[in-house]
Amino acid sequence: MEDYYNEKIEKRQKKNLIKRILVKLIYILVLPIIIWNLAIIIQTLQNPNETPSVFGIKIFCIISGSMEPNISINDLVIIKEVPQNEINSKDIISFTVNGETITHRIENISTDESGDLVYTTKGDANNIEDADTIKFEDIEGKYIGKIPKIGKIILVLKSKTTLGIVLLVLILLYIFEQKSNEKKIKRSNERIEYDENKK
């Protein structure tokens, strides 16, 4: 009987351990994205005409295959704001043209009639260069890395409604975990008390 009881306790402990690991994984993966998105939403409300950034870092979700195989659809690219003298030929940059943000590679740097630097860009997977040259003020920043295939999560969490729902779920998970821990402590104390009374 005691062996059966101990086996039940062991199974319950394993189940609880798996639950705790899953909850912690959700916190580790989703919480940073939520915090980032909240910072972005606040910045957008304060400066609606500027692309939001956190400590000079911007992130963009890739929605086309023009930079394959280096950057794929649904990759999240990390872009850093840099001074003009740090932008060179063959660098990958993100730039905004007509309200659309594009991430392509610089093919050539030249000067226009006014003597200003202009940049010719091209997607690695494209056969031809982009039709229009861009200026430094169009550049959002320089590519410094990517997180593969996580862009879909960012796009989903960009919705304020979805973000609110996810936050609520995380809060409820936290409350549930706390209540579960309280019950475990209570059961453990009862077990100790029971064992002591048996002696």
Protein backbone atom coordinates (compact mmCIF):
# COMPACT_ATOMS: atom_id res chain seq x y z
CA MET A 1 0.00 0.00 0.00
CA GLU A 2 2.78 2.37 0.92
CA ASP A 3 4.64 1.54 -2.35
CA TYR A 4 1.48 2.35 -4.31
CA TYR A 5 1.11 5.63 -2.43
CA ASN A 6 4.76 6.56 -3.07
CA GLU A 7 4.40 5.68 -6.76
CA LYS A 8 1.36 7.97 -7.04
CA ILE A 9 3.31 10.80 -5.40
CA GLU A 10 6.25 10.24 -7.78
CA LYS A 11 3.96 10.34 -10.84
CA ARG A 12 2.30 13.52 -9.60
CA GLN A 13 5.69 15.13 -8.99
CA LYS A 14 6.84 14.28 -12.55
CA LYS A 15 3.61 15.71 -13.98
CA ASN A 16 4.00 18.89 -11.94
CA LEU A 17 7.64 19.21 -13.03
CA ILE A 18 6.63 19.02 -16.72
CA LYS A 19 3.94 21.67 -16.12
CA ARG A 20 6.44 23.98 -14.38
CA ILE A 21 8.96 23.58 -17.22
CA LEU A 22 6.29 24.37 -19.85
CA VAL A 23 5.13 27.48 -17.96
CA LYS A 24 8.73 28.69 -17.56
CA LEU A 25 9.37 28.12 -21.30
CA ILE A 26 6.31 30.24 -22.14
CA TYR A 27 7.61 33.03 -19.89
CA ILE A 28 11.13 32.83 -21.38
CA LEU A 29 9.92 32.87 -25.01
CA VAL A 30 6.87 35.12 -24.92
CA LEU A 31 7.52 37.63 -22.11
CA PRO A 32 10.50 39.40 -23.79
CA ILE A 33 8.44 39.77 -27.00
CA ILE A 34 5.53 41.24 -25.02
CA ILE A 35 7.82 43.71 -23.21
CA TRP A 36 9.40 44.71 -26.54
CA ASN A 37 5.99 45.19 -28.19
CA LEU A 38 4.72 47.27 -25.27
CA ALA A 39 7.79 49.54 -25.58
CA ILE A 40 7.14 49.82 -29.34
CA ILE A 41 3.44 50.63 -28.83
CA ILE A 42 4.30 53.39 -26.30
CA GLN A 43 6.90 54.88 -28.68
CA THR A 44 4.45 54.74 -31.61
CA LEU A 45 1.84 56.63 -29.59
CA GLN A 46 4.44 59.27 -28.60
CA ASN A 47 6.05 59.63 -32.08
CA PRO A 48 3.67 58.21 -34.73
CA ASN A 49 5.86 59.44 -37.64
CA GLU A 50 9.04 57.66 -36.49
CA THR A 51 9.99 53.99 -36.64
CA PRO A 52 10.15 52.85 -33.00
CA SER A 53 13.48 51.65 -31.62
CA VAL A 54 14.80 50.47 -28.24
CA PHE A 55 18.37 51.62 -27.47
CA GLY A 56 18.90 52.24 -31.20
CA ILE A 57 17.78 48.71 -32.11
CA LYS A 58 14.86 48.08 -34.46
CA ILE A 59 13.29 44.82 -35.53
CA PHE A 60 11.46 44.04 -38.76
CA CYS A 61 9.63 40.95 -39.94
CA ILE A 62 10.63 39.77 -43.42
CA ILE A 63 7.63 39.16 -45.69
CA SER A 64 9.37 38.45 -49.02
CA GLY A 65 12.08 36.11 -50.27
CA SER A 66 14.18 38.82 -51.94
CA MET A 67 17.12 38.20 -49.56
CA GLU A 68 17.17 34.39 -49.80
CA PRO A 69 19.11 32.36 -48.79
CA ASN A 70 20.69 34.69 -46.17
CA ILE A 71 17.36 36.04 -44.87
CA SER A 72 14.09 34.15 -45.32
CA ILE A 73 10.37 34.91 -45.08
CA ASN A 74 9.22 35.20 -41.43
CA ASP A 75 12.77 35.81 -40.17
CA LEU A 76 13.05 38.65 -37.70
CA VAL A 77 15.90 40.99 -38.66
CA ILE A 78 17.71 43.05 -36.03
CA ILE A 79 18.72 46.48 -37.26
CA LYS A 80 20.98 48.98 -35.50
CA GLU A 81 21.00 52.73 -36.06
CA VAL A 82 24.52 53.75 -37.13
CA PRO A 83 26.19 56.97 -38.33
CA GLN A 84 26.56 57.47 -42.07
CA ASN A 85 30.31 56.75 -42.08
CA GLU A 86 29.61 53.19 -40.83
CA ILE A 87 27.47 52.30 -43.84
CA ASN A 88 29.50 50.66 -46.60
CA SER A 89 28.99 48.88 -49.90
CA LYS A 90 27.76 45.25 -49.46
CA ASP A 91 26.22 46.04 -46.06
CA ILE A 92 22.65 44.85 -45.54
CA ILE A 93 20.39 47.72 -44.49
CA SER A 94 16.73 48.36 -43.82
CA PHE A 95 15.26 51.46 -45.45
CA THR A 96 11.84 53.00 -45.86
CA VAL A 97 10.46 54.06 -49.24
CA ASN A 98 6.85 55.28 -49.68
CA GLY A 99 5.91 53.97 -46.24
CA GLU A 100 7.29 50.48 -46.93
CA THR A 101 10.34 49.13 -45.09
CA ILE A 102 12.69 46.98 -47.19
CA THR A 103 15.78 45.03 -46.17
CA HIS A 104 18.30 44.77 -49.04
CA ARG A 105 22.03 44.88 -49.63
CA ILE A 106 23.92 48.02 -50.76
CA GLU A 107 25.36 47.41 -54.23
CA ASN A 108 26.88 50.81 -54.86
CA ILE A 109 27.44 54.19 -53.15
CA SER A 110 27.67 57.31 -55.32
CA THR A 111 26.84 61.02 -55.20
CA ASP A 112 23.89 62.79 -56.78
CA GLU A 113 23.83 66.20 -58.51
CA SER A 114 23.69 67.95 -55.12
CA GLY A 115 26.79 66.11 -53.92
CA ASP A 116 24.82 63.99 -51.42
CA LEU A 117 25.59 60.30 -51.02
CA VAL A 118 23.03 57.97 -52.60
CA TYR A 119 22.78 54.21 -52.21
CA THR A 120 21.88 51.65 -54.86
CA THR A 121 20.37 48.53 -53.30
CA LYS A 122 19.44 45.03 -54.41
CA GLY A 123 17.92 41.90 -52.90
CA ASP A 124 20.37 38.97 -52.93
CA ALA A 125 17.77 36.79 -54.69
CA ASN A 126 16.85 39.49 -57.24
CA ASN A 127 18.39 39.69 -60.72
CA ILE A 128 18.25 43.47 -60.97
CA GLU A 129 18.99 46.40 -58.67
CA ASP A 130 16.17 48.32 -57.01
CA ALA A 131 14.69 50.97 -59.31
CA ASP A 132 15.29 53.95 -57.00
CA THR A 133 18.39 55.03 -55.13
CA ILE A 134 17.99 56.03 -51.48
CA LYS A 135 19.53 58.66 -49.22
CA PHE A 136 20.88 58.32 -45.68
CA GLU A 137 17.67 59.76 -44.19
CA ASP A 138 15.73 56.84 -45.73
CA ILE A 139 17.92 54.28 -43.93
CA GLU A 140 16.49 52.77 -40.74
CA GLY A 141 19.74 51.08 -39.81
CA LYS A 142 22.31 48.40 -40.51
CA TYR A 143 21.61 44.68 -40.27
CA ILE A 144 23.35 43.03 -37.31
CA GLY A 145 21.56 39.70 -37.06
CA LYS A 146 18.35 37.72 -37.33
CA ILE A 147 16.09 35.39 -35.37
CA PRO A 148 14.84 32.73 -37.81
CA LYS A 149 11.11 32.12 -38.29
CA ILE A 150 9.94 34.08 -35.24
CA GLY A 151 8.44 36.93 -37.27
CA LYS A 152 4.94 35.41 -37.24
CA ILE A 153 4.81 35.64 -33.43
CA ILE A 154 5.82 39.32 -33.57
CA LEU A 155 3.16 40.08 -36.20
CA VAL A 156 0.47 38.32 -34.13
CA LEU A 157 1.49 40.13 -30.94
CA LYS A 158 1.51 43.52 -32.69
CA SER A 159 -2.28 43.56 -32.33
CA LYS A 160 -3.17 45.35 -29.08
CA THR A 161 -6.12 42.96 -28.55
CA THR A 162 -3.94 39.85 -28.98
CA LEU A 163 -1.24 41.37 -26.76
CA GLY A 164 -3.84 42.03 -24.04
CA ILE A 165 -5.17 38.46 -24.26
CA VAL A 166 -1.66 36.95 -24.07
CA LEU A 167 -0.80 39.17 -21.08
CA LEU A 168 -4.00 38.08 -19.33
CA VAL A 169 -3.19 34.39 -20.00
CA LEU A 170 0.34 34.86 -18.59
CA ILE A 171 -1.04 36.55 -15.47
CA LEU A 172 -3.55 33.71 -14.99
CA LEU A 173 -0.78 31.14 -15.50
CA TYR A 174 1.30 32.91 -12.86
CA ILE A 175 -1.64 32.95 -10.40
CA PHE A 176 -2.35 29.26 -11.12
CA GLU A 177 1.32 28.40 -10.54
CA GLN A 178 1.35 30.29 -7.22
CA LYS A 179 -1.86 28.55 -6.05
CA SER A 180 -0.45 25.20 -7.15
CA ASN A 181 2.74 25.85 -5.13
CA GLU A 182 0.67 26.77 -2.07
CA LYS A 183 -1.29 23.51 -2.35
CA LYS A 184 1.93 21.52 -2.69
CA ILE A 185 3.38 23.14 0.44
CA LYS A 186 0.13 22.45 2.30
CA ARG A 187 0.12 18.78 1.18
CA SER A 188 3.77 18.42 2.14
CA ASN A 189 3.09 19.84 5.62
CA GLU A 190 0.10 17.52 6.03
CA ARG A 191 2.25 14.57 4.99
CA ILE A 192 4.95 15.51 7.55
CA GLU A 193 2.28 15.91 10.22
CA TYR A 194 0.72 12.55 9.30
CA ASP A 195 4.12 10.79 9.44
CA GLU A 196 4.87 12.36 12.82
CA ASN A 197 1.49 11.25 14.23
CA LYS A 198 2.15 7.68 13.04
CA LYS A 199 5.34 7.47 15.10
